[in-house]
N, C-alpha and C. Protein backbone atom coordinates (compact mmCIF):
# COMPACT_ATOMS: atom_id res chain seq x y z
N MET A 1 0.85 -1.17 0.00
CA MET A 1 0.00 0.00 0.00
C MET A 1 0.90 1.24 0.00
N ALA A 2 0.75 2.07 -0.96
CA ALA A 2 1.58 3.27 -1.09
C ALA A 2 0.82 4.47 -0.53
N VAL A 3 1.55 5.31 0.17
CA VAL A 3 0.99 6.56 0.70
C VAL A 3 1.79 7.70 0.10
N ILE A 4 1.10 8.63 -0.51
CA ILE A 4 1.76 9.77 -1.12
C ILE A 4 1.37 11.02 -0.34
N VAL A 5 2.37 11.73 0.15
CA VAL A 5 2.14 12.97 0.89
C VAL A 5 2.61 14.10 -0.01
N GLY A 6 1.68 14.99 -0.38
CA GLY A 6 2.02 16.10 -1.24
C GLY A 6 2.82 17.16 -0.52
N ASN A 7 2.23 17.77 0.48
CA ASN A 7 2.88 18.80 1.27
C ASN A 7 2.68 18.46 2.74
N MET A 8 3.69 18.77 3.53
CA MET A 8 3.57 18.53 4.97
C MET A 8 4.23 19.68 5.70
N VAL A 9 3.53 20.23 6.68
CA VAL A 9 4.06 21.32 7.49
C VAL A 9 4.08 20.84 8.93
N SER A 10 5.20 21.05 9.58
CA SER A 10 5.35 20.59 10.95
C SER A 10 6.07 21.65 11.76
N ASP A 11 5.59 21.91 12.96
CA ASP A 11 6.26 22.82 13.88
C ASP A 11 6.99 21.98 14.93
N MET A 12 8.24 22.32 15.14
CA MET A 12 9.02 21.59 16.13
C MET A 12 9.66 22.59 17.07
N THR A 13 9.65 22.27 18.34
CA THR A 13 10.34 23.09 19.33
C THR A 13 11.45 22.25 19.93
N LEU A 14 12.65 22.72 19.81
CA LEU A 14 13.81 22.02 20.32
C LEU A 14 14.40 22.82 21.46
N THR A 15 14.91 22.12 22.44
CA THR A 15 15.56 22.80 23.54
C THR A 15 16.78 22.01 23.99
N ASP A 16 17.68 22.69 24.57
CA ASP A 16 18.86 22.06 25.13
C ASP A 16 18.48 21.55 26.52
N SER A 17 18.85 20.33 26.85
CA SER A 17 18.48 19.77 28.15
C SER A 17 19.08 20.58 29.29
N ASP A 18 20.21 21.22 29.07
CA ASP A 18 20.81 22.05 30.11
C ASP A 18 20.09 23.38 30.28
N ALA A 19 19.31 23.78 29.30
CA ALA A 19 18.61 25.06 29.37
C ALA A 19 17.58 25.06 30.51
N LEU A 20 17.07 23.88 30.87
CA LEU A 20 16.11 23.81 31.96
C LEU A 20 16.76 24.07 33.31
N LEU A 21 18.07 24.00 33.37
CA LEU A 21 18.79 24.29 34.61
C LEU A 21 19.27 25.74 34.67
N ASN A 22 18.82 26.53 33.73
CA ASN A 22 19.15 27.95 33.68
C ASN A 22 18.68 28.60 34.98
N PRO A 23 19.48 29.45 35.61
CA PRO A 23 19.08 30.07 36.88
C PRO A 23 17.76 30.85 36.80
N GLN A 24 17.49 31.51 35.69
CA GLN A 24 16.23 32.25 35.55
C GLN A 24 15.05 31.29 35.51
N VAL A 25 15.20 30.17 34.83
CA VAL A 25 14.12 29.18 34.76
C VAL A 25 13.88 28.58 36.13
N LEU A 26 14.95 28.24 36.83
CA LEU A 26 14.81 27.68 38.18
C LEU A 26 14.16 28.68 39.13
N GLU A 27 14.52 29.95 39.01
CA GLU A 27 13.94 30.99 39.87
C GLU A 27 12.43 31.11 39.63
N ARG A 28 12.03 31.14 38.36
CA ARG A 28 10.61 31.25 38.03
C ARG A 28 9.85 30.02 38.51
N LEU A 29 10.43 28.86 38.31
CA LEU A 29 9.80 27.62 38.72
C LEU A 29 9.64 27.55 40.23
N SER A 30 10.68 27.90 40.97
CA SER A 30 10.60 27.85 42.43
C SER A 30 9.62 28.90 42.95
N ALA A 31 9.56 30.07 42.33
CA ALA A 31 8.59 31.09 42.76
C ALA A 31 7.17 30.60 42.52
N HIS A 32 6.93 29.94 41.41
CA HIS A 32 5.60 29.41 41.11
C HIS A 32 5.22 28.32 42.10
N ILE A 33 6.14 27.43 42.40
CA ILE A 33 5.87 26.35 43.36
C ILE A 33 5.61 26.93 44.74
N LEU A 34 6.39 27.90 45.16
CA LEU A 34 6.21 28.53 46.47
C LEU A 34 4.85 29.22 46.56
N ALA A 35 4.44 29.91 45.50
CA ALA A 35 3.13 30.57 45.50
C ALA A 35 2.00 29.55 45.60
N ARG A 36 2.11 28.44 44.88
CA ARG A 36 1.08 27.39 44.96
C ARG A 36 1.03 26.77 46.35
N LEU A 37 2.18 26.57 46.97
CA LEU A 37 2.24 26.02 48.32
C LEU A 37 1.59 26.96 49.33
N GLN A 38 1.88 28.25 49.20
CA GLN A 38 1.28 29.23 50.10
C GLN A 38 -0.24 29.30 49.91
N ASP A 39 -0.72 29.23 48.67
CA ASP A 39 -2.16 29.20 48.41
C ASP A 39 -2.80 27.99 49.06
N SER A 40 -2.14 26.86 48.93
CA SER A 40 -2.66 25.62 49.52
C SER A 40 -2.72 25.73 51.04
N GLN A 41 -1.69 26.28 51.65
CA GLN A 41 -1.67 26.44 53.10
C GLN A 41 -2.75 27.42 53.57
N ARG A 42 -2.96 28.51 52.82
CA ARG A 42 -4.03 29.45 53.18
C ARG A 42 -5.39 28.78 53.11
N HIS A 43 -5.59 27.97 52.07
CA HIS A 43 -6.86 27.27 51.93
C HIS A 43 -7.08 26.28 53.07
N GLU A 44 -6.04 25.51 53.40
CA GLU A 44 -6.15 24.55 54.50
C GLU A 44 -6.46 25.26 55.82
N LYS A 45 -5.83 26.41 56.06
CA LYS A 45 -6.10 27.17 57.29
C LYS A 45 -7.53 27.68 57.30
N ALA A 46 -8.02 28.15 56.16
CA ALA A 46 -9.41 28.64 56.09
C ALA A 46 -10.39 27.50 56.38
N VAL A 47 -10.11 26.32 55.85
CA VAL A 47 -10.98 25.16 56.10
C VAL A 47 -10.94 24.79 57.57
N ARG A 48 -9.75 24.75 58.16
CA ARG A 48 -9.64 24.44 59.60
C ARG A 48 -10.38 25.47 60.44
N ASP A 49 -10.24 26.74 60.09
CA ASP A 49 -10.93 27.80 60.85
C ASP A 49 -12.44 27.64 60.76
N GLU A 50 -12.94 27.24 59.59
CA GLU A 50 -14.38 27.05 59.44
C GLU A 50 -14.88 25.84 60.21
N GLN A 51 -14.05 24.82 60.34
CA GLN A 51 -14.46 23.59 61.00
C GLN A 51 -14.19 23.58 62.49
N ARG A 52 -13.48 24.58 62.98
CA ARG A 52 -13.10 24.64 64.39
C ARG A 52 -14.35 24.76 65.27
N MET A 53 -14.33 24.06 66.37
CA MET A 53 -15.43 24.14 67.33
C MET A 53 -15.34 25.48 68.04
N ARG A 54 -16.47 26.11 68.21
CA ARG A 54 -16.54 27.38 68.91
C ARG A 54 -17.42 27.20 70.14
N PRO A 55 -17.14 27.93 71.19
CA PRO A 55 -18.00 27.80 72.37
C PRO A 55 -19.42 28.25 72.05
N SER A 56 -20.37 27.52 72.58
CA SER A 56 -21.76 27.90 72.32
C SER A 56 -22.14 29.08 73.19
N MET A 57 -23.15 29.80 72.77
CA MET A 57 -23.62 30.98 73.50
C MET A 57 -24.84 30.60 74.33
N THR A 58 -24.94 31.19 75.48
CA THR A 58 -26.15 31.00 76.27
C THR A 58 -27.18 32.00 75.78
N SER A 59 -28.41 31.84 76.20
CA SER A 59 -29.48 32.72 75.76
C SER A 59 -29.28 34.15 76.25
N ARG A 60 -28.48 34.34 77.31
CA ARG A 60 -28.27 35.69 77.84
C ARG A 60 -27.15 36.44 77.11
N GLU A 61 -26.31 35.71 76.40
CA GLU A 61 -25.23 36.36 75.67
C GLU A 61 -25.75 36.93 74.36
N ARG A 62 -25.18 38.05 74.00
CA ARG A 62 -25.61 38.70 72.77
C ARG A 62 -24.69 38.29 71.63
N SER A 63 -25.24 37.99 70.50
CA SER A 63 -24.38 37.64 69.37
C SER A 63 -24.05 38.89 68.57
N ASP A 64 -23.02 38.82 67.77
CA ASP A 64 -22.64 39.94 66.91
C ASP A 64 -23.58 40.08 65.73
N TRP A 65 -24.44 39.11 65.53
CA TRP A 65 -25.34 39.13 64.38
C TRP A 65 -26.54 40.04 64.63
N GLU A 66 -26.75 40.37 65.86
CA GLU A 66 -27.94 41.19 66.17
C GLU A 66 -27.64 42.66 65.98
């Protein structure tokens, strides 16, 4: 079975394996990872704060909602 290809266009991106160890790339990558970690920790703290047990109020205590 013969296959004839008239025209073919292909985009290729090549990189040097050492380029990923470039200090600027490492700095950007570590900053991104640190930001994601901080976001995750803030979210976990917010969830813990929402789930934390709070002392109940007696009928004589006034709530801030009133």
